[in-house]
Amino acid sequence: MRTNLPDSHDETAKDQLETVGEPKESEVENKTSPEQDNIEELKSQLEKETEKVTSYEKKIQYLLADFENLKKRTETDVQNRVNSIIDGIILKFLSIYDDFVRAKEALSKQGAKTEGLDAILKNMDSFLSESGVRPIEVVGEIFDPKLHEAMSIKDDPSLDENTVTAELRKGYILKDRVIRPSLVEISKRRIKETNKDG
């Protein structure tokens, strides 16, 4: 004798079989292949290495900037030191040059011949010129504290205020540096007030 089961039982059994046989969606999502794991790991390592490279590039840039600044400071310090030594040598030479000029002037006043001194002074002038040393032009110029040092004052209302009227000692410029200022006399305008009867 055959017993017929209700259709509902067949459907329930079928659902249970399907449930057991099908993996859950969460399980499918969580499962990744070894290749994908390797790719993710490589991506992570690449990001880290990229950050390191960027950091090293910044450090190198800072170091290069510091090096350039140090190089400029060193070059400036060396040049200043060299200029100081050269200036000192030229100043000593100018002191000797001044002695020869005074000796020539003294001999000229006594009526003595100065051909020998003239030749020496000519050679000294050539040496100064070749070394980039040139005299400062002063007479008739307006006093400039960067080039001149005022030693005396002369009343002269016909001249502009602070006009250089005489050179007491010649000054010199070496290239673009004043190595010895000119000692000068300058003019002043002094207006005398007079009382007028009113």
C-alpha atoms as a PDB file:
ATOM      1  CA  MET A   1       0.000   0.000   0.000  1.00  0.00           C
ATOM      2  CA  ARG A   2       1.528   3.343  -1.142  1.00  0.00           C
ATOM      3  CA  THR A   3       1.352   6.277   1.137  1.00  0.00           C
ATOM      4  CA  ASN A   4       1.369   9.735  -0.493  1.00  0.00           C
ATOM      5  CA  LEU A   5       3.307  12.421   1.464  1.00  0.00           C
ATOM      6  CA  PRO A   6       2.109  15.976   1.299  1.00  0.00           C
ATOM      7  CA  ASP A   7       3.815  18.241  -1.251  1.00  0.00           C
ATOM      8  CA  SER A   8       4.914  20.552   1.550  1.00  0.00           C
ATOM      9  CA  HIS A   9       7.278  17.904   2.879  1.00  0.00           C
ATOM     10  CA  ASP A  10       8.943  17.513  -0.516  1.00  0.00           C
ATOM     11  CA  GLU A  11       9.510  21.228  -0.821  1.00  0.00           C
ATOM     12  CA  THR A  12      10.988  21.431   2.708  1.00  0.00           C
ATOM     13  CA  ALA A  13      13.434  18.669   1.999  1.00  0.00           C
ATOM     14  CA  LYS A  14      14.400  20.268  -1.279  1.00  0.00           C
ATOM     15  CA  ASP A  15      15.088  23.606   0.413  1.00  0.00           C
ATOM     16  CA  GLN A  16      17.245  21.931   3.023  1.00  0.00           C
ATOM     17  CA  LEU A  17      19.302  20.213   0.332  1.00  0.00           C
ATOM     18  CA  GLU A  18      19.800  23.464  -1.550  1.00  0.00           C
ATOM     19  CA  THR A  19      20.796  25.247   1.666  1.00  0.00           C
ATOM     20  CA  VAL A  20      23.367  22.646   2.527  1.00  0.00           C
ATOM     21  CA  GLY A  21      24.787  22.545  -0.978  1.00  0.00           C
ATOM     22  CA  GLU A  22      25.125  26.327  -1.583  1.00  0.00           C
ATOM     23  CA  PRO A  23      27.887  28.312   0.212  1.00  0.00           C
ATOM     24  CA  LYS A  24      26.899  31.481   1.983  1.00  0.00           C
ATOM     25  CA  GLU A  25      27.570  34.812   0.229  1.00  0.00           C
ATOM     26  CA  SER A  26      29.795  36.001   3.113  1.00  0.00           C
ATOM     27  CA  GLU A  27      31.922  32.881   2.753  1.00  0.00           C
ATOM     28  CA  VAL A  28      32.357  33.535  -0.972  1.00  0.00           C
ATOM     29  CA  GLU A  29      33.349  37.148  -0.369  1.00  0.00           C
ATOM     30  CA  ASN A  30      35.904  36.211   2.301  1.00  0.00           C
ATOM     31  CA  LYS A  31      37.633  33.668   0.103  1.00  0.00           C
ATOM     32  CA  THR A  32      40.452  35.244  -2.025  1.00  0.00           C
ATOM     33  CA  SER A  33      43.017  33.626  -4.237  1.00  0.00           C
ATOM     34  CA  PRO A  34      46.753  33.563  -3.293  1.00  0.00           C
ATOM     35  CA  GLU A  35      47.503  35.748  -6.333  1.00  0.00           C
ATOM     36  CA  GLN A  36      45.203  38.479  -5.033  1.00  0.00           C
ATOM     37  CA  ASP A  37      46.840  38.311  -1.597  1.00  0.00           C
ATOM     38  CA  ASN A  38      50.270  38.736  -3.213  1.00  0.00           C
ATOM     39  CA  ILE A  39      49.072  41.703  -5.274  1.00  0.00           C
ATOM     40  CA  GLU A  40      47.697  43.460  -2.201  1.00  0.00           C
ATOM     41  CA  GLU A  41      50.921  42.841  -0.314  1.00  0.00           C
ATOM     42  CA  LEU A  42      52.979  44.185  -3.215  1.00  0.00           C
ATOM     43  CA  LYS A  43      50.784  47.272  -3.408  1.00  0.00           C
ATOM     44  CA  SER A  44      51.306  47.896   0.292  1.00  0.00           C
ATOM     45  CA  GLN A  45      55.077  47.490  -0.036  1.00  0.00           C
ATOM     46  CA  LEU A  46      55.117  49.795  -3.076  1.00  0.00           C
ATOM     47  CA  GLU A  47      53.293  52.516  -1.144  1.00  0.00           C
ATOM     48  CA  LYS A  48      55.773  52.226   1.722  1.00  0.00           C
ATOM     49  CA  GLU A  49      58.767  52.358  -0.639  1.00  0.00           C
ATOM     50  CA  THR A  50      57.272  55.356  -2.462  1.00  0.00           C
ATOM     51  CA  GLU A  51      56.937  57.193   0.852  1.00  0.00           C
ATOM     52  CA  LYS A  52      60.567  56.389   1.656  1.00  0.00           C
ATOM     53  CA  VAL A  53      61.741  57.681  -1.744  1.00  0.00           C
ATOM     54  CA  THR A  54      59.780  60.915  -1.278  1.00  0.00           C
ATOM     55  CA  SER A  55      61.290  61.349   2.181  1.00  0.00           C
ATOM     56  CA  TYR A  56      64.822  60.733   0.865  1.00  0.00           C
ATOM     57  CA  GLU A  57      64.269  63.179  -2.017  1.00  0.00           C
ATOM     58  CA  LYS A  58      63.277  65.925   0.443  1.00  0.00           C
ATOM     59  CA  LYS A  59      66.303  65.198   2.621  1.00  0.00           C
ATOM     60  CA  ILE A  60      68.608  65.317  -0.416  1.00  0.00           C
ATOM     61  CA  GLN A  61      67.083  68.637  -1.483  1.00  0.00           C
ATOM     62  CA  TYR A  62      67.666  70.073   2.002  1.00  0.00           C
ATOM     63  CA  LEU A  63      71.247  68.795   2.009  1.00  0.00           C
ATOM     64  CA  LEU A  64      71.932  70.273  -1.434  1.00  0.00           C
ATOM     65  CA  ALA A  65      70.503  73.625  -0.335  1.00  0.00           C
ATOM     66  CA  ASP A  66      72.669  73.577   2.812  1.00  0.00           C
ATOM     67  CA  PHE A  67      75.706  72.674   0.709  1.00  0.00           C
ATOM     68  CA  GLU A  68      75.097  75.549  -1.714  1.00  0.00           C
ATOM     69  CA  ASN A  69      74.703  77.996   1.176  1.00  0.00           C
ATOM     70  CA  LEU A  70      77.884  76.698   2.804  1.00  0.00           C
ATOM     71  CA  LYS A  71      79.704  76.924  -0.522  1.00  0.00           C
ATOM     72  CA  LYS A  72      78.631  80.542  -1.013  1.00  0.00           C
ATOM     73  CA  ARG A  73      79.588  81.483   2.544  1.00  0.00           C
ATOM     74  CA  THR A  74      82.957  79.774   2.176  1.00  0.00           C
ATOM     75  CA  GLU A  75      83.655  81.486  -1.135  1.00  0.00           C
ATOM     76  CA  THR A  76      82.664  84.848   0.351  1.00  0.00           C
ATOM     77  CA  ASP A  77      84.837  84.303   3.432  1.00  0.00           C
ATOM     78  CA  VAL A  78      87.818  83.269   1.302  1.00  0.00           C
ATOM     79  CA  GLN A  79      87.362  86.226  -1.041  1.00  0.00           C
ATOM     80  CA  ASN A  80      87.076  88.645   1.887  1.00  0.00           C
ATOM     81  CA  ARG A  81      90.247  87.197   3.391  1.00  0.00           C
ATOM     82  CA  VAL A  82      92.112  87.501   0.090  1.00  0.00           C
ATOM     83  CA  ASN A  83      90.866  91.077  -0.364  1.00  0.00           C
ATOM     84  CA  SER A  84      92.015  91.963   3.137  1.00  0.00           C
ATOM     85  CA  ILE A  85      95.533  90.646   2.447  1.00  0.00           C
ATOM     86  CA  ILE A  86      95.745  92.412  -0.924  1.00  0.00           C
ATOM     87  CA  ASP A  87      94.473  95.683   0.577  1.00  0.00           C
ATOM     88  CA  GLY A  88      97.133  95.503   3.277  1.00  0.00           C
ATOM     89  CA  ILE A  89      99.918  94.972   0.729  1.00  0.00           C
ATOM     90  CA  ILE A  90      98.691  97.809  -1.506  1.00  0.00           C
ATOM     91  CA  LEU A  91      98.407 100.176   1.478  1.00  0.00           C
ATOM     92  CA  LYS A  92     102.034  99.497   2.409  1.00  0.00           C
ATOM     93  CA  PHE A  93     103.031 100.080  -1.197  1.00  0.00           C
ATOM     94  CA  LEU A  94     101.102 103.391  -1.220  1.00  0.00           C
ATOM     95  CA  SER A  95     102.934 104.491   1.910  1.00  0.00           C
ATOM     96  CA  ILE A  96     106.252 103.973   0.090  1.00  0.00           C
ATOM     97  CA  TYR A  97     104.821 105.689  -2.985  1.00  0.00           C
ATOM     98  CA  ASP A  98     103.916 108.735  -0.858  1.00  0.00           C
ATOM     99  CA  ASP A  99     107.498 108.885   0.433  1.00  0.00           C
ATOM    100  CA  PHE A 100     108.835 108.990  -3.143  1.00  0.00           C
ATOM    101  CA  VAL A 101     106.375 111.761  -4.056  1.00  0.00           C
ATOM    102  CA  ARG A 102     107.425 113.844  -1.044  1.00  0.00           C
ATOM    103  CA  ALA A 103     111.107 113.232  -1.850  1.00  0.00           C
ATOM    104  CA  LYS A 104     110.575 114.460  -5.411  1.00  0.00           C
ATOM    105  CA  GLU A 105     108.749 117.570  -4.210  1.00  0.00           C
ATOM    106  CA  ALA A 106     111.532 118.356  -1.727  1.00  0.00           C
ATOM    107  CA  LEU A 107     114.253 117.912  -4.359  1.00  0.00           C
ATOM    108  CA  SER A 108     112.314 120.031  -6.834  1.00  0.00           C
ATOM    109  CA  LYS A 109     112.133 122.889  -4.350  1.00  0.00           C
ATOM    110  CA  GLN A 110     115.894 122.691  -3.914  1.00  0.00           C
ATOM    111  CA  GLY A 111     116.403 122.757  -7.664  1.00  0.00           C
ATOM    112  CA  ALA A 112     117.855 119.250  -7.751  1.00  0.00           C
ATOM    113  CA  LYS A 113     117.347 116.880 -10.662  1.00  0.00           C
ATOM    114  CA  THR A 114     114.550 114.356 -10.212  1.00  0.00           C
ATOM    115  CA  GLU A 115     114.816 112.272 -13.392  1.00  0.00           C
ATOM    116  CA  GLY A 116     115.610 109.119 -11.417  1.00  0.00           C
ATOM    117  CA  LEU A 117     112.643 109.613  -9.096  1.00  0.00           C
ATOM    118  CA  ASP A 118     110.398 110.430 -12.041  1.00  0.00           C
ATOM    119  CA  ALA A 119     111.230 107.081 -13.654  1.00  0.00           C
ATOM    120  CA  ILE A 120     110.596 105.228 -10.385  1.00  0.00           C
ATOM    121  CA  LEU A 121     107.255 106.977  -9.858  1.00  0.00           C
ATOM    122  CA  LYS A 122     106.246 106.235 -13.432  1.00  0.00           C
ATOM    123  CA  ASN A 123     106.891 102.526 -12.873  1.00  0.00           C
ATOM    124  CA  MET A 124     104.977 102.644  -9.586  1.00  0.00           C
ATOM    125  CA  ASP A 125     102.030 104.344 -11.302  1.00  0.00           C
ATOM    126  CA  SER A 126     102.013 101.602 -13.937  1.00  0.00           C
ATOM    127  CA  PHE A 127     102.057  98.915 -11.264  1.00  0.00           C
ATOM    128  CA  LEU A 128      99.101 100.501  -9.441  1.00  0.00           C
ATOM    129  CA  SER A 129      97.133 100.850 -12.660  1.00  0.00           C
ATOM    130  CA  GLU A 130      97.773  97.243 -13.693  1.00  0.00           C
ATOM    131  CA  SER A 131      96.691  96.101 -10.230  1.00  0.00           C
ATOM    132  CA  GLY A 132      93.342  97.869 -10.592  1.00  0.00           C
ATOM    133  CA  VAL A 133      94.243 100.713  -8.224  1.00  0.00           C
ATOM    134  CA  ARG A 134      93.095 104.177  -9.258  1.00  0.00           C
ATOM    135  CA  PRO A 135      93.191 107.545  -7.447  1.00  0.00           C
ATOM    136  CA  ILE A 136      90.018 109.198  -6.207  1.00  0.00           C
ATOM    137  CA  GLU A 137      89.242 112.480  -7.964  1.00  0.00           C
ATOM    138  CA  VAL A 138      88.317 115.007  -5.302  1.00  0.00           C
ATOM    139  CA  VAL A 139      88.953 118.699  -6.019  1.00  0.00           C
ATOM    140  CA  GLY A 140      85.717 120.405  -7.046  1.00  0.00           C
ATOM    141  CA  GLU A 141      83.617 117.400  -6.070  1.00  0.00           C
ATOM    142  CA  ILE A 142      80.956 117.419  -3.366  1.00  0.00           C
ATOM    143  CA  PHE A 143      82.121 115.771  -0.154  1.00  0.00           C
ATOM    144  CA  ASP A 144      81.259 112.063  -0.017  1.00  0.00           C
ATOM    145  CA  PRO A 145      81.866 110.333   3.338  1.00  0.00           C
ATOM    146  CA  LYS A 146      82.361 107.032   1.498  1.00  0.00           C
ATOM    147  CA  LEU A 147      85.312 108.467  -0.446  1.00  0.00           C
ATOM    148  CA  HIS A 148      86.569 111.417   1.570  1.00  0.00           C
ATOM    149  CA  GLU A 149      87.597 112.288   5.094  1.00  0.00           C
ATOM    150  CA  ALA A 150      87.272 115.982   5.958  1.00  0.00           C
ATOM    151  CA  MET A 151      90.284 117.340   7.818  1.00  0.00           C
ATOM    152  CA  SER A 152      89.621 121.092   7.602  1.00  0.00           C
ATOM    153  CA  ILE A 153      86.962 123.634   6.609  1.00  0.00           C
ATOM    154  CA  LYS A 154      87.307 126.743   4.464  1.00  0.00           C
ATOM    155  CA  ASP A 155      84.835 129.619   4.351  1.00  0.00           C
ATOM    156  CA  ASP A 156      83.921 130.256   0.740  1.00  0.00           C
ATOM    157  CA  PRO A 157      80.450 131.656  -0.055  1.00  0.00           C
ATOM    158  CA  SER A 158      81.153 131.348  -3.788  1.00  0.00           C
ATOM    159  CA  LEU A 159      81.135 127.541  -3.626  1.00  0.00           C
ATOM    160  CA  ASP A 160      78.379 125.041  -2.943  1.00  0.00           C
ATOM    161  CA  GLU A 161      78.216 123.702   0.594  1.00  0.00           C
ATOM    162  CA  ASN A 162      80.705 120.870   1.248  1.00  0.00           C
ATOM    163  CA  THR A 163      82.654 121.330  -1.961  1.00  0.00           C
ATOM    164  CA  VAL A 164      86.144 119.801  -1.774  1.00  0.00           C
ATOM    165  CA  THR A 165      88.584 122.722  -2.068  1.00  0.00           C
ATOM    166  CA  ALA A 166      91.891 120.906  -1.530  1.00  0.00           C
ATOM    167  CA  GLU A 167      93.348 117.401  -1.343  1.00  0.00           C
ATOM    168  CA  LEU A 168      95.573 116.859   1.686  1.00  0.00           C
ATOM    169  CA  ARG A 169      96.317 113.213   0.948  1.00  0.00           C
ATOM    170  CA  LYS A 170      95.403 111.250  -2.143  1.00  0.00           C
ATOM    171  CA  GLY A 171      92.896 108.458  -1.752  1.00  0.00           C
ATOM    172  CA  TYR A 172      92.667 105.257  -3.779  1.00  0.00           C
ATOM    173  CA  ILE A 173      90.104 102.700  -4.940  1.00  0.00           C
ATOM    174  CA  LEU A 174      91.034  99.072  -5.624  1.00  0.00           C
ATOM    175  CA  LYS A 175      88.548  97.663  -8.133  1.00  0.00           C
ATOM    176  CA  ASP A 176      85.294  98.561  -6.356  1.00  0.00           C
ATOM    177  CA  ARG A 177      86.650  99.021  -2.820  1.00  0.00           C
ATOM    178  CA  VAL A 178      87.931 102.182  -1.164  1.00  0.00           C
ATOM    179  CA  ILE A 179      91.217 101.078   0.347  1.00  0.00           C
ATOM    180  CA  ARG A 180      92.252 104.577   1.442  1.00  0.00           C
ATOM    181  CA  PRO A 181      89.917 107.599   1.651  1.00  0.00           C
ATOM    182  CA  SER A 182      91.099 110.997   0.484  1.00  0.00           C
ATOM    183  CA  LEU A 183      91.948 113.513   3.201  1.00  0.00           C
ATOM    184  CA  VAL A 184      90.347 116.764   2.088  1.00  0.00           C
ATOM    185  CA  GLU A 185      89.451 120.348   2.880  1.00  0.00           C
ATOM    186  CA  ILE A 186      85.817 121.327   2.308  1.00  0.00           C
ATOM    187  CA  SER A 187      83.940 124.607   1.937  1.00  0.00           C
ATOM    188  CA  LYS A 188      81.235 126.058   4.149  1.00  0.00           C
ATOM    189  CA  ARG A 189      78.915 128.987   3.607  1.00  0.00           C
ATOM    190  CA  ARG A 190      78.664 131.109   6.719  1.00  0.00           C
ATOM    191  CA  ILE A 191      76.149 133.929   6.421  1.00  0.00           C
ATOM    192  CA  LYS A 192      76.874 136.821   8.758  1.00  0.00           C
ATOM    193  CA  GLU A 193      73.800 138.502  10.084  1.00  0.00           C
ATOM    194  CA  THR A 194      73.836 142.313  10.199  1.00  0.00           C
ATOM    195  CA  ASN A 195      71.665 144.470  12.380  1.00  0.00           C
ATOM    196  CA  LYS A 196      69.519 146.859  10.486  1.00  0.00           C
ATOM    197  CA  ASP A 197      68.171 150.008  12.116  1.00  0.00           C
ATOM    198  CA  GLY A 198      64.441 149.994  11.939  1.00  0.00           C
END
